[in-house]
N, C-alpha and C. Protein backbone atom coordinates (compact mmCIF):
# COMPACT_ATOMS: atom_id res chain seq x y z
N MET A 1 0.84 -1.23 0.17
CA MET A 1 0.02 -0.09 0.16
C MET A 1 0.90 1.35 0.16
N LYS A 2 0.29 2.31 -0.81
CA LYS A 2 1.39 3.48 -0.71
C LYS A 2 0.21 4.54 -0.37
N TYR A 3 1.31 5.49 0.65
CA TYR A 3 0.24 6.66 1.22
C TYR A 3 1.04 7.94 0.60
N ASP A 4 0.06 8.59 0.90
CA ASP A 4 0.28 10.35 0.74
C ASP A 4 0.56 11.17 1.92
N ILE A 5 -0.16 10.76 2.92
CA ILE A 5 0.36 11.48 4.42
C ILE A 5 1.00 10.31 5.27
N PHE A 6 2.23 10.98 5.65
CA PHE A 6 2.85 10.29 6.96
C PHE A 6 2.63 10.77 8.10
N LEU A 7 1.99 10.47 9.14
CA LEU A 7 2.01 10.87 10.50
C LEU A 7 2.79 10.50 11.30
N PHE A 8 4.10 10.83 11.92
CA PHE A 8 5.04 10.44 12.56
C PHE A 8 4.76 10.95 13.98
N ASP A 9 4.79 9.67 14.78
CA ASP A 9 5.50 10.28 16.32
C ASP A 9 6.88 11.00 16.46
N ALA A 10 7.19 11.73 17.32
CA ALA A 10 8.19 12.20 17.32
C ALA A 10 9.32 11.62 18.36
N ASP A 11 9.25 11.55 19.72
CA ASP A 11 9.99 10.83 20.49
C ASP A 11 10.32 9.60 20.37
N ASN A 12 11.47 8.92 20.18
CA ASN A 12 11.81 7.60 19.74
C ASN A 12 11.26 6.68 18.76
N THR A 13 10.79 8.08 17.73
CA THR A 13 10.44 7.26 16.53
C THR A 13 10.91 8.33 15.37
N LEU A 14 11.24 9.67 15.23
CA LEU A 14 12.05 10.30 14.27
C LEU A 14 13.26 10.88 15.33
N TYR A 15 13.05 11.23 16.47
CA TYR A 15 13.97 11.93 17.31
C TYR A 15 14.30 10.69 18.49
N ASP A 16 15.70 10.90 18.69
CA ASP A 16 16.19 9.96 19.60
C ASP A 16 16.05 10.80 20.96
N TYR A 17 14.97 10.42 21.91
CA TYR A 17 14.47 11.11 23.18
C TYR A 17 15.57 10.40 24.06
N ASP A 18 15.89 9.41 24.08
CA ASP A 18 16.93 8.65 24.97
C ASP A 18 18.13 9.39 25.29
N LYS A 19 18.84 9.85 24.02
CA LYS A 19 19.96 10.31 24.10
C LYS A 19 19.65 12.05 24.34
N ALA A 20 18.67 12.43 23.76
CA ALA A 20 18.47 13.89 24.32
C ALA A 20 18.21 13.96 25.94
N GLU A 21 17.49 13.07 26.29
CA GLU A 21 17.01 12.94 27.91
C GLU A 21 18.58 12.97 28.80
N ALA A 22 19.37 11.91 28.48
CA ALA A 22 20.50 11.52 29.03
C ALA A 22 21.23 12.99 29.27
N ASN A 23 21.48 13.54 27.96
CA ASN A 23 22.57 14.74 27.50
C ASN A 23 21.78 15.82 28.49
N ALA A 24 20.64 15.98 28.52
CA ALA A 24 19.83 17.15 29.39
C ALA A 24 20.13 16.98 30.80
N LEU A 25 19.74 15.56 31.22
CA LEU A 25 19.94 15.22 32.63
C LEU A 25 21.53 15.48 33.09
N LYS A 26 22.29 15.10 32.44
CA LYS A 26 23.64 15.27 32.94
C LYS A 26 24.31 16.74 32.58
N THR A 27 23.60 17.24 31.90
CA THR A 27 24.12 18.93 31.71
C THR A 27 23.56 19.66 32.80
N MET A 28 22.09 19.35 33.34
CA MET A 28 21.56 20.04 34.42
C MET A 28 22.20 19.63 35.87
N PHE A 29 22.67 18.43 36.08
CA PHE A 29 23.32 17.97 37.48
C PHE A 29 24.81 18.41 37.40
N ASP A 30 25.26 18.65 36.14
CA ASP A 30 26.89 19.40 36.00
C ASP A 30 26.34 20.84 36.45
N TYR A 31 25.69 21.69 35.97
CA TYR A 31 25.12 22.74 36.46
C TYR A 31 25.01 23.10 37.79
N CYS A 32 24.28 22.22 38.30
CA CYS A 32 23.72 22.37 39.74
C CYS A 32 25.03 21.90 40.63
N GLY A 33 25.68 21.33 40.15
CA GLY A 33 27.18 20.90 41.11
C GLY A 33 26.54 19.62 41.65
N PHE A 34 25.88 18.56 41.18
CA PHE A 34 25.39 17.57 41.65
C PHE A 34 26.29 16.19 40.97
N GLU A 35 26.66 15.49 41.84
CA GLU A 35 27.23 13.98 41.34
C GLU A 35 26.27 13.39 40.43
N TYR A 36 26.72 12.98 39.12
CA TYR A 36 25.62 12.38 38.09
C TYR A 36 26.41 11.11 37.81
N ALA A 37 25.48 10.03 37.66
CA ALA A 37 25.79 8.77 37.40
C ALA A 37 24.62 8.32 36.65
N GLU A 38 24.87 6.92 36.02
CA GLU A 38 23.66 6.34 35.11
C GLU A 38 22.91 5.66 36.10
N ASP A 39 23.05 5.65 37.13
CA ASP A 39 22.38 5.26 38.31
C ASP A 39 21.11 6.39 38.39
N VAL A 40 21.41 7.43 38.45
CA VAL A 40 20.39 8.89 38.53
C VAL A 40 19.73 8.81 37.36
N ARG A 41 20.05 8.50 35.78
CA ARG A 41 19.34 8.43 34.75
C ARG A 41 18.25 7.57 34.89
N ARG A 42 18.72 6.37 35.29
CA ARG A 42 17.98 4.96 35.63
C ARG A 42 16.63 5.41 36.71
N ILE A 43 17.05 6.03 37.58
CA ILE A 43 15.90 6.32 38.78
C ILE A 43 14.90 7.16 38.09
N TYR A 44 15.59 8.25 37.45
CA TYR A 44 14.76 9.11 36.68
C TYR A 44 13.80 8.56 35.83
N ARG A 45 14.39 7.57 34.98
CA ARG A 45 13.83 7.17 33.94
C ARG A 45 12.38 6.18 34.53
N GLU A 46 12.43 5.46 35.58
CA GLU A 46 11.51 5.26 36.31
C GLU A 46 10.21 6.10 36.81
N ILE A 47 10.83 6.84 37.29
CA ILE A 47 9.74 7.84 37.90
C ILE A 47 9.38 8.56 36.83
N ASN A 48 10.08 9.15 35.73
CA ASN A 48 9.28 10.03 34.63
C ASN A 48 8.30 8.97 33.85
N ALA A 49 8.37 7.72 33.90
CA ALA A 49 7.65 6.56 33.39
C ALA A 49 6.46 6.92 33.99
N GLN A 50 6.66 6.68 35.11
CA GLN A 50 4.95 6.74 35.95
C GLN A 50 4.37 7.85 36.15
N VAL A 51 4.80 8.82 36.32
CA VAL A 51 4.33 10.12 36.15
C VAL A 51 3.37 10.52 34.77
N TRP A 52 4.39 10.11 33.71
CA TRP A 52 3.70 10.46 32.36
C TRP A 52 2.47 9.17 32.19
N ASN A 53 2.58 8.05 32.81
CA ASN A 53 1.38 6.90 32.73
C ASN A 53 0.33 7.79 33.38
N ASP A 54 0.52 8.31 34.58
CA ASP A 54 -0.61 8.92 35.55
C ASP A 54 -1.13 10.06 34.80
N TYR A 55 -0.36 10.67 34.27
CA TYR A 55 -0.74 11.79 33.05
C TYR A 55 -1.85 11.21 32.19
N GLU A 56 -1.41 10.27 31.65
CA GLU A 56 -2.03 9.54 30.34
C GLU A 56 -3.36 9.28 30.76
N ASP A 57 -3.52 8.75 32.10
CA ASP A 57 -4.69 8.37 32.78
C ASP A 57 -5.54 9.19 33.53
N GLY A 58 -5.22 10.54 33.15
CA GLY A 58 -5.83 11.62 33.76
C GLY A 58 -5.79 11.86 35.35
N LYS A 59 -4.56 11.20 35.54
CA LYS A 59 -4.44 11.19 37.30
C LYS A 59 -3.61 12.71 37.76
N MET A 60 -3.27 13.14 36.89
CA MET A 60 -2.37 14.50 37.08
C MET A 60 -2.03 15.20 36.02
N THR A 61 -2.09 16.64 36.04
CA THR A 61 -2.21 17.59 34.79
C THR A 61 -0.35 17.36 34.33
N LYS A 62 -0.18 18.21 33.15
CA LYS A 62 1.17 17.87 32.57
C LYS A 62 2.07 19.21 33.41
N ALA A 63 1.59 19.86 33.66
CA ALA A 63 2.48 20.75 34.70
C ALA A 63 2.62 20.13 35.97
N ASP A 64 2.14 19.32 36.43
CA ASP A 64 2.14 18.77 37.90
C ASP A 64 3.18 17.75 37.51
N LEU A 65 3.12 17.00 36.56
CA LEU A 65 3.97 15.69 36.57
C LEU A 65 5.55 16.39 36.05
N GLN A 66 5.47 17.61 35.46
CA GLN A 66 7.02 18.10 35.28
C GLN A 66 7.74 18.35 36.36
N VAL A 67 7.22 18.82 37.47
CA VAL A 67 7.38 19.19 38.82
C VAL A 67 7.65 18.01 39.75
N ILE A 68 6.68 17.10 39.85
CA ILE A 68 6.69 16.16 40.55
C ILE A 68 7.74 15.24 39.97
N ARG A 69 8.05 14.94 38.96
CA ARG A 69 8.91 13.82 38.46
C ARG A 69 10.38 14.14 39.37
N PHE A 70 10.92 15.81 39.25
CA PHE A 70 11.75 15.84 39.62
C PHE A 70 11.96 15.97 41.76
N GLU A 71 10.80 16.26 41.81
CA GLU A 71 10.70 16.54 43.43
C GLU A 71 11.25 14.92 43.68
N ARG A 72 10.31 13.79 43.12
CA ARG A 72 10.71 12.45 43.43
C ARG A 72 12.03 12.13 42.97
N LEU A 73 12.91 12.51 42.04
CA LEU A 73 14.37 12.08 41.90
C LEU A 73 15.03 12.79 42.91
N PHE A 74 14.84 13.97 43.26
CA PHE A 74 15.96 14.69 44.29
C PHE A 74 15.83 14.14 45.64
N GLU A 75 14.46 13.36 46.11
CA GLU A 75 14.23 12.61 47.31
C GLU A 75 14.80 11.58 47.22
N ALA A 76 14.58 11.02 45.84
CA ALA A 76 15.42 9.61 45.81
C ALA A 76 17.11 9.53 45.74
N VAL A 77 17.72 10.20 45.16
CA VAL A 77 19.31 10.72 45.02
C VAL A 77 19.47 11.51 46.05
N GLY A 78 18.74 12.03 47.08
CA GLY A 78 19.28 12.93 48.43
C GLY A 78 20.03 14.02 47.99
N VAL A 79 19.23 15.03 47.06
CA VAL A 79 19.71 16.32 46.94
C VAL A 79 18.82 17.11 46.90
N LYS A 80 18.90 18.54 47.46
CA LYS A 80 17.92 19.66 47.37
C LYS A 80 17.90 20.78 46.50
N ASN A 81 16.93 21.02 45.61
CA ASN A 81 16.83 21.78 44.61
C ASN A 81 15.40 22.15 44.34
N ASP A 82 15.02 23.49 43.96
CA ASP A 82 13.89 24.00 43.41
C ASP A 82 13.45 23.13 42.38
N ALA A 83 12.38 22.08 42.22
CA ALA A 83 12.39 21.11 41.36
C ALA A 83 11.62 22.00 40.07
N GLY A 84 10.79 22.92 40.52
CA GLY A 84 10.15 23.83 39.31
C GLY A 84 11.05 24.64 38.44
N ASP A 85 12.15 25.11 38.89
CA ASP A 85 13.18 25.84 38.37
C ASP A 85 13.86 24.96 37.73
N PHE A 86 14.49 23.73 37.99
CA PHE A 86 14.94 22.78 37.32
C PHE A 86 14.38 21.96 36.42
N ASN A 87 13.01 22.29 36.22
CA ASN A 87 12.63 21.66 35.35
C ASN A 87 12.72 22.68 34.10
N ASN A 88 12.51 23.83 34.40
CA ASN A 88 12.14 24.70 33.66
C ASN A 88 13.75 24.75 32.75
N LYS A 89 14.76 24.81 33.32
CA LYS A 89 16.02 24.98 32.88
C LYS A 89 16.21 23.17 32.11
N TYR A 90 15.87 22.20 32.51
CA TYR A 90 15.99 20.88 31.88
C TYR A 90 15.20 21.05 30.61
N LEU A 91 14.18 21.30 30.51
CA LEU A 91 13.16 21.33 29.30
C LEU A 91 13.97 22.28 28.21
N VAL A 92 14.83 23.31 28.58
CA VAL A 92 15.12 24.21 27.41
C VAL A 92 16.50 23.24 26.89
N GLU A 93 17.43 22.56 28.17
CA GLU A 93 18.20 21.76 27.40
C GLU A 93 17.64 20.64 26.53
N LEU A 94 17.00 19.80 27.10
CA LEU A 94 16.12 18.68 26.33
C LEU A 94 15.59 19.01 24.71
N GLY A 95 15.11 20.51 24.67
CA GLY A 95 14.92 21.26 23.27
C GLY A 95 15.90 21.27 22.60
N ARG A 96 17.27 21.50 22.99
CA ARG A 96 18.23 21.35 22.25
C ARG A 96 18.54 20.60 21.91
N GLY A 97 18.33 19.19 22.15
CA GLY A 97 18.91 17.72 21.89
C GLY A 97 18.08 17.25 20.84
N ALA A 98 18.32 17.63 19.57
CA ALA A 98 17.69 17.25 18.43
C ALA A 98 18.44 16.21 17.60
N PHE A 99 18.87 15.29 18.28
CA PHE A 99 19.12 13.78 18.17
C PHE A 99 18.12 13.03 17.18
N LEU A 100 18.75 12.38 16.16
CA LEU A 100 17.91 11.56 15.38
C LEU A 100 18.07 10.22 15.48
N ILE A 101 16.81 9.59 15.15
CA ILE A 101 16.68 8.07 14.96
C ILE A 101 17.51 7.87 13.55
N ASP A 102 18.56 6.78 13.55
CA ASP A 102 18.92 6.23 12.36
C ASP A 102 17.82 6.15 11.23
N GLY A 103 18.12 6.87 10.06
CA GLY A 103 17.40 6.56 9.04
C GLY A 103 16.35 7.89 8.76
N ALA A 104 16.11 8.82 9.86
CA ALA A 104 14.94 9.51 9.80
C ALA A 104 15.31 10.59 8.66
N VAL A 105 16.45 11.04 8.63
CA VAL A 105 16.77 12.27 7.42
C VAL A 105 16.66 11.45 6.09
N GLU A 106 16.84 10.45 6.04
CA GLU A 106 16.98 9.50 4.58
C GLU A 106 15.57 9.33 4.06
N ILE A 107 14.58 8.86 5.41
CA ILE A 107 13.29 8.56 4.89
C ILE A 107 12.39 9.99 4.46
N CYS A 108 12.70 10.82 5.65
CA CYS A 108 12.15 12.10 5.45
C CYS A 108 12.35 12.76 4.23
N LYS A 109 13.67 12.62 4.01
CA LYS A 109 13.95 13.48 2.33
C LYS A 109 13.09 12.74 1.14
N GLU A 110 12.94 11.18 1.37
CA GLU A 110 12.50 10.66 0.25
C GLU A 110 10.97 10.78 0.11
N ILE A 111 10.36 10.96 1.34
CA ILE A 111 8.86 10.98 1.35
C ILE A 111 8.46 12.13 0.71
N VAL A 112 9.29 13.43 0.92
CA VAL A 112 8.97 14.68 0.54
C VAL A 112 9.13 14.59 -1.19
N ALA A 113 10.47 14.04 -1.41
CA ALA A 113 11.00 13.94 -2.71
C ALA A 113 9.93 13.38 -3.98
N LYS A 114 9.10 12.45 -3.29
CA LYS A 114 8.01 11.45 -4.18
C LYS A 114 6.66 12.59 -4.04
N GLY A 115 6.79 13.75 -3.36
CA GLY A 115 5.61 14.46 -3.34
C GLY A 115 4.60 14.34 -2.27
N LYS A 116 4.88 13.52 -1.29
CA LYS A 116 3.82 13.05 -0.03
C LYS A 116 4.43 13.95 0.84
N GLN A 117 3.63 14.21 2.12
CA GLN A 117 3.61 14.99 3.32
C GLN A 117 3.97 14.29 4.64
N ILE A 118 4.88 15.22 5.48
CA ILE A 118 4.87 14.44 6.95
C ILE A 118 4.43 15.53 7.77
N PHE A 119 3.78 14.85 8.70
CA PHE A 119 3.24 15.95 9.70
C PHE A 119 3.67 15.06 11.28
N ILE A 120 3.99 15.84 12.19
CA ILE A 120 4.66 15.04 13.50
C ILE A 120 3.05 15.52 14.40
N VAL A 121 2.87 14.22 15.05
CA VAL A 121 1.93 13.96 16.20
C VAL A 121 2.46 13.79 17.20
N THR A 122 2.30 14.61 18.13
CA THR A 122 3.15 14.04 19.49
C THR A 122 2.44 14.49 20.86
N ASN A 123 2.39 13.84 22.09
CA ASN A 123 1.93 14.07 23.47
C ASN A 123 2.97 14.68 23.94
N GLY A 124 3.91 15.23 23.16
CA GLY A 124 5.22 15.82 24.37
C GLY A 124 5.03 17.29 24.42
N ILE A 125 6.26 17.95 25.72
CA ILE A 125 5.54 19.34 25.90
C ILE A 125 5.99 20.22 24.71
N LEU A 126 4.87 21.02 24.79
CA LEU A 126 4.89 22.11 23.11
C LEU A 126 6.42 22.73 23.33
N ALA A 127 6.94 23.43 24.29
CA ALA A 127 8.12 24.16 23.93
C ALA A 127 9.01 23.24 23.79
N THR A 128 9.03 22.24 24.21
CA THR A 128 10.56 21.61 24.08
C THR A 128 10.44 20.97 22.59
N GLN A 129 9.03 20.44 21.98
CA GLN A 129 8.97 19.89 20.64
C GLN A 129 9.18 20.79 19.82
N GLU A 130 8.44 22.13 20.01
CA GLU A 130 9.19 22.85 19.08
C GLU A 130 10.56 23.05 18.84
N SER A 131 11.40 23.48 19.89
CA SER A 131 12.66 23.71 20.01
C SER A 131 13.41 22.37 19.17
N ARG A 132 12.91 21.27 19.76
CA ARG A 132 13.46 20.08 18.69
C ARG A 132 13.47 20.34 17.68
N ILE A 133 12.42 20.37 17.09
CA ILE A 133 12.18 20.75 15.52
C ILE A 133 12.60 21.49 14.88
N LYS A 134 12.63 22.62 15.29
CA LYS A 134 13.54 23.93 14.92
C LYS A 134 15.03 23.75 14.96
N HIS A 135 15.50 22.79 15.85
CA HIS A 135 16.92 22.81 15.89
C HIS A 135 17.39 21.54 14.98
N SER A 136 16.25 20.62 14.20
CA SER A 136 16.90 19.40 13.55
C SER A 136 16.96 19.97 12.17
N VAL A 137 17.70 18.83 11.50
CA VAL A 137 17.97 19.04 10.16
C VAL A 137 16.77 18.63 9.11
N ILE A 138 15.66 18.14 9.92
CA ILE A 138 14.62 17.43 9.21
C ILE A 138 13.64 18.55 9.22
N GLU A 139 13.56 19.62 9.84
CA GLU A 139 12.56 20.68 9.69
C GLU A 139 12.27 20.82 8.51
N GLU A 140 12.83 21.12 7.37
CA GLU A 140 12.69 21.35 6.05
C GLU A 140 11.63 20.33 5.29
N TYR A 141 11.74 19.06 6.13
CA TYR A 141 10.68 18.47 5.59
C TYR A 141 9.28 18.02 6.10
N ILE A 142 9.16 19.12 7.45
CA ILE A 142 7.90 18.78 8.10
C ILE A 142 7.03 19.64 7.31
N SER A 143 5.83 19.37 7.06
CA SER A 143 4.79 20.31 6.71
C SER A 143 4.12 20.94 7.78
N ASP A 144 3.94 20.38 9.09
CA ASP A 144 3.55 20.98 10.36
C ASP A 144 3.74 19.66 11.62
N PHE A 145 3.42 20.30 12.60
CA PHE A 145 3.25 19.52 13.77
C PHE A 145 2.27 19.84 14.73
N PHE A 146 1.73 18.54 15.67
CA PHE A 146 0.67 18.87 16.47
C PHE A 146 1.07 18.49 17.71
N VAL A 147 1.21 19.18 18.89
CA VAL A 147 1.71 18.58 19.97
C VAL A 147 -0.02 18.69 21.02
N SER A 148 -0.15 17.92 21.57
CA SER A 148 -1.32 17.64 22.30
C SER A 148 -1.53 19.12 23.28
N GLU A 149 -0.78 19.28 24.00
CA GLU A 149 -0.62 20.47 24.81
C GLU A 149 -1.21 21.48 23.92
N PHE A 150 -1.18 21.70 22.80
CA PHE A 150 -1.53 22.82 22.19
C PHE A 150 -2.94 22.38 21.68
N VAL A 151 -3.13 21.17 20.84
CA VAL A 151 -4.32 20.42 20.41
C VAL A 151 -5.36 20.70 21.79
N GLY A 152 -5.32 20.14 22.98
CA GLY A 152 -6.60 20.27 24.12
C GLY A 152 -6.38 18.81 24.15
N PHE A 153 -6.23 17.86 23.11
CA PHE A 153 -6.15 16.24 23.52
C PHE A 153 -5.28 15.61 23.28
N GLN A 154 -5.25 14.43 23.79
CA GLN A 154 -3.55 13.75 23.62
C GLN A 154 -3.96 12.36 22.65
N LYS A 155 -3.00 11.93 21.91
CA LYS A 155 -3.08 10.41 21.44
C LYS A 155 -3.38 9.54 22.73
N PRO A 156 -4.13 8.59 22.47
CA PRO A 156 -5.19 8.19 21.25
C PRO A 156 -6.10 8.52 21.08
N ASP A 157 -6.66 9.76 21.75
CA ASP A 157 -8.24 10.28 21.68
C ASP A 157 -8.65 10.56 20.28
N ILE A 158 -9.62 10.20 20.06
CA ILE A 158 -10.14 10.24 18.58
C ILE A 158 -10.36 12.09 18.27
N ARG A 159 -10.34 12.71 19.11
CA ARG A 159 -10.65 14.11 19.02
C ARG A 159 -9.24 15.04 18.77
N TYR A 160 -8.26 14.04 19.43
CA TYR A 160 -7.11 14.87 18.98
C TYR A 160 -6.87 14.65 17.26
N PHE A 161 -7.12 13.36 16.65
CA PHE A 161 -6.86 13.10 15.52
C PHE A 161 -8.03 13.69 14.60
N GLU A 162 -8.98 14.45 14.98
CA GLU A 162 -9.94 15.11 14.29
C GLU A 162 -9.32 16.11 13.98
N TYR A 163 -8.69 16.89 15.20
CA TYR A 163 -8.20 18.20 15.05
C TYR A 163 -7.29 18.53 13.70
N VAL A 164 -6.22 16.99 14.07
CA VAL A 164 -5.00 17.05 13.09
C VAL A 164 -5.64 16.98 11.69
N PHE A 165 -6.73 15.97 11.44
CA PHE A 165 -7.36 15.93 10.25
C PHE A 165 -8.05 17.09 9.49
N SER A 166 -8.50 18.23 10.42
CA SER A 166 -9.01 19.48 9.86
C SER A 166 -7.81 20.50 9.64
N HIS A 167 -6.69 19.96 9.98
CA HIS A 167 -5.41 20.89 9.45
C HIS A 167 -4.24 20.44 8.64
N ILE A 168 -4.92 19.33 7.92
CA ILE A 168 -3.84 18.65 6.84
C ILE A 168 -4.57 18.48 5.57
N PRO A 169 -4.17 18.42 4.41
CA PRO A 169 -4.74 18.25 3.11
C PRO A 169 -5.92 17.36 3.44
N LYS A 170 -7.04 17.23 2.86
CA LYS A 170 -7.94 16.46 3.03
C LYS A 170 -7.63 15.33 1.78
N VAL A 171 -7.30 14.27 2.19
CA VAL A 171 -7.04 13.00 1.44
C VAL A 171 -7.46 11.74 1.81
N PRO A 172 -8.31 10.77 1.39
CA PRO A 172 -9.17 9.47 1.95
C PRO A 172 -8.28 9.19 3.03
N LYS A 173 -8.69 8.51 4.20
CA LYS A 173 -8.24 8.01 5.36
C LYS A 173 -7.35 6.93 5.10
N GLU A 174 -7.52 5.75 3.76
CA GLU A 174 -6.81 5.27 3.30
C GLU A 174 -5.17 5.32 2.94
N LYS A 175 -5.12 6.72 2.71
CA LYS A 175 -4.01 7.34 2.04
C LYS A 175 -3.28 7.66 3.07
N MET A 176 -3.37 7.38 4.59
CA MET A 176 -2.88 8.12 5.60
C MET A 176 -2.15 6.95 6.65
N LEU A 177 -1.01 6.89 6.75
CA LEU A 177 -0.11 6.38 7.86
C LEU A 177 0.17 7.18 9.20
N ILE A 178 0.28 6.26 10.11
CA ILE A 178 0.75 6.92 11.33
C ILE A 178 1.74 5.84 11.87
N ILE A 179 3.05 6.43 12.21
CA ILE A 179 4.03 5.79 12.67
C ILE A 179 4.65 5.98 14.00
N GLY A 180 4.61 5.27 14.63
CA GLY A 180 5.10 5.45 15.86
C GLY A 180 5.40 4.32 16.77
N ASP A 181 6.22 4.51 18.12
CA ASP A 181 7.04 3.35 18.82
C ASP A 181 5.90 3.06 20.00
N SER A 182 4.85 3.80 20.07
CA SER A 182 4.03 3.54 21.27
C SER A 182 2.59 2.54 20.67
N LEU A 183 2.73 1.33 21.18
CA LEU A 183 1.60 0.48 21.05
C LEU A 183 0.20 1.34 21.48
N LYS A 184 0.33 1.81 22.66
CA LYS A 184 -1.05 2.16 23.68
C LYS A 184 -1.49 3.76 23.03
N LEU A 185 -0.46 4.63 22.29
CA LEU A 185 -0.94 6.04 21.98
C LEU A 185 -0.96 5.66 20.20
N ASP A 186 0.14 5.39 19.86
CA ASP A 186 0.00 5.68 18.29
C ASP A 186 -0.73 4.23 17.50
N ILE A 187 -0.49 3.51 17.83
CA ILE A 187 -0.97 2.11 17.21
C ILE A 187 -2.57 2.29 17.41
N VAL A 188 -2.97 2.38 19.12
CA VAL A 188 -4.65 2.63 19.23
C VAL A 188 -4.76 4.04 18.64
N GLY A 189 -4.34 4.80 18.56
CA GLY A 189 -4.84 6.02 17.77
C GLY A 189 -5.13 5.91 16.59
N GLY A 190 -4.26 5.31 15.87
CA GLY A 190 -4.62 5.30 14.44
C GLY A 190 -5.82 4.49 14.16
N HIS A 191 -5.75 3.04 15.11
CA HIS A 191 -7.26 2.27 15.12
C HIS A 191 -8.47 3.50 15.41
N ASN A 192 -8.43 4.42 16.36
CA ASN A 192 -9.54 4.97 16.97
C ASN A 192 -9.69 5.93 15.65
N ALA A 193 -8.70 6.54 15.08
CA ALA A 193 -8.57 7.48 13.88
C ALA A 193 -9.35 6.91 12.69
N GLY A 194 -9.15 5.58 12.40
CA GLY A 194 -9.76 4.79 11.27
C GLY A 194 -8.45 5.02 10.16
N ILE A 195 -7.06 4.82 10.42
CA ILE A 195 -6.12 4.98 9.59
C ILE A 195 -5.32 3.87 9.86
N ASP A 196 -4.28 3.16 8.68
CA ASP A 196 -3.49 2.36 9.13
C ASP A 196 -2.19 2.88 9.91
N SER A 197 -1.63 1.91 10.64
CA SER A 197 -0.42 2.15 11.53
C SER A 197 0.54 1.26 11.17
N CYS A 198 1.92 2.02 11.84
CA CYS A 198 2.93 1.11 11.60
C CYS A 198 3.72 1.28 12.92
N TRP A 199 3.79 -0.05 13.59
CA TRP A 199 4.72 0.01 14.97
C TRP A 199 6.23 0.22 14.60
N PHE A 200 6.98 1.24 14.79
CA PHE A 200 8.45 1.33 14.89
C PHE A 200 9.11 0.58 16.17
N ASN A 201 9.25 -0.42 15.78
CA ASN A 201 9.71 -1.42 17.16
C ASN A 201 11.30 -1.64 16.87
N GLU A 202 11.99 -0.61 17.25
CA GLU A 202 13.38 -0.64 16.69
C GLU A 202 14.00 -1.60 17.56
N ASN A 203 13.99 -1.93 18.60
CA ASN A 203 14.64 -2.93 19.33
C ASN A 203 14.23 -4.14 19.43
N ALA A 204 12.98 -4.41 18.70
CA ALA A 204 12.40 -6.03 18.07
C ALA A 204 11.79 -6.52 19.68
N ILE A 205 11.30 -5.62 20.47
CA ILE A 205 10.44 -6.06 21.47
C ILE A 205 9.50 -6.94 21.19
N GLU A 206 9.06 -7.94 21.93
CA GLU A 206 7.98 -8.74 21.78
C GLU A 206 6.54 -7.89 22.14
N ASN A 207 5.73 -8.23 21.27
CA ASN A 207 4.04 -7.56 21.40
C ASN A 207 3.35 -8.44 22.01
N ASP A 208 3.41 -8.17 23.51
CA ASP A 208 2.58 -9.12 24.38
C ASP A 208 1.44 -8.61 25.05
N THR A 209 0.96 -7.74 23.84
CA THR A 209 -0.61 -6.93 24.21
C THR A 209 -1.42 -7.78 22.80
N ASP A 210 -2.68 -7.52 23.00
CA ASP A 210 -3.76 -7.74 22.11
C ASP A 210 -3.77 -6.53 21.00
N LEU A 211 -3.19 -5.74 20.75
CA LEU A 211 -3.13 -4.69 19.59
C LEU A 211 -2.34 -5.10 18.77
N THR A 212 -2.81 -4.97 17.48
CA THR A 212 -2.20 -5.49 16.30
C THR A 212 -2.21 -4.26 15.27
N PRO A 213 -0.83 -3.90 14.84
CA PRO A 213 -0.80 -2.30 14.05
C PRO A 213 -0.75 -3.24 12.85
N THR A 214 -0.98 -2.19 11.68
CA THR A 214 -1.45 -3.06 10.28
C THR A 214 0.46 -3.35 9.87
N TYR A 215 1.53 -2.65 9.93
CA TYR A 215 2.55 -2.98 9.72
C TYR A 215 3.52 -2.82 10.98
N GLU A 216 4.48 -3.57 10.91
CA GLU A 216 5.82 -3.22 11.91
C GLU A 216 6.75 -3.37 11.45
N ILE A 217 7.87 -2.60 11.85
CA ILE A 217 9.35 -1.86 11.23
C ILE A 217 10.24 -2.25 12.24
N HIS A 218 11.41 -2.30 11.87
CA HIS A 218 12.41 -2.11 13.23
C HIS A 218 13.66 -0.98 12.50
N ASN A 219 13.38 -0.36 11.29
CA ASN A 219 14.07 0.52 10.75
C ASN A 219 13.35 1.68 9.80
N LEU A 220 13.42 2.66 10.11
CA LEU A 220 12.57 3.73 9.50
C LEU A 220 12.88 3.62 8.13
N ARG A 221 13.98 3.09 7.46
CA ARG A 221 14.29 2.68 5.97
C ARG A 221 13.28 1.88 5.33
N GLU A 222 12.47 1.05 5.90
CA GLU A 222 11.52 -0.09 5.63
C GLU A 222 10.28 0.92 5.12
N LEU A 223 10.15 2.06 5.76
CA LEU A 223 9.21 2.74 5.07
C LEU A 223 8.99 3.49 3.90
N LYS A 224 10.47 2.86 2.95
CA LYS A 224 10.40 3.39 1.67
C LYS A 224 9.35 2.55 0.50
N LYS A 225 8.80 1.14 1.18
CA LYS A 225 8.03 0.59 0.47
C LYS A 225 6.36 1.09 0.29
N PHE A 226 6.49 1.85 1.27
CA PHE A 226 5.14 2.88 1.51
C PHE A 226 5.01 3.88 0.97
N ILE A 227 5.89 4.64 0.56
CA ILE A 227 5.93 5.80 -0.31
C ILE A 227 5.48 5.55 -1.60
């Protein structure tokens, strides 16, 4: 099947969020004069994953999660700092981390060269995502991006996709493809929106859910067959 519209998730689909996160966290700990080790990042990732799950389940706001994650981290590693101020500076550093997933430049360039369009669909933090996109070499290939914080709804909510559909070219849904690393957000979102989905499973992890994407790839270059 060939598609005209490619809806890409941002973090860990086009952008290497893990690398950006590690870089921003180390930079901030060094800036504050705190000892940093990989164990700090491991603890942070566990805390961050939990608060994002709570946010996605409607248990806290995005503003709350940004502060709470660092409050919990500082308590866990035994340092004292203003979590809100730390978070604000951390987001600036994170937004500078426009590291790309292998194959991202190549596939984006080829999609656009074939007259197709790329849109980013993400639940990330607005300022951070805007900065990352503007700092990246693939910005010129992206027609537009939609951040849930601005839209007012988040993936996989059908209302998020209805907003996206109302702001992109009118093409049949069968000519749209969503690509993302999250079964819960991207694949379910595609199903809710009535469009085909492609699970970017870079690390070839086992799908132990009952969620079935239309396609599964392990490298972004595999998308060439859909252009």
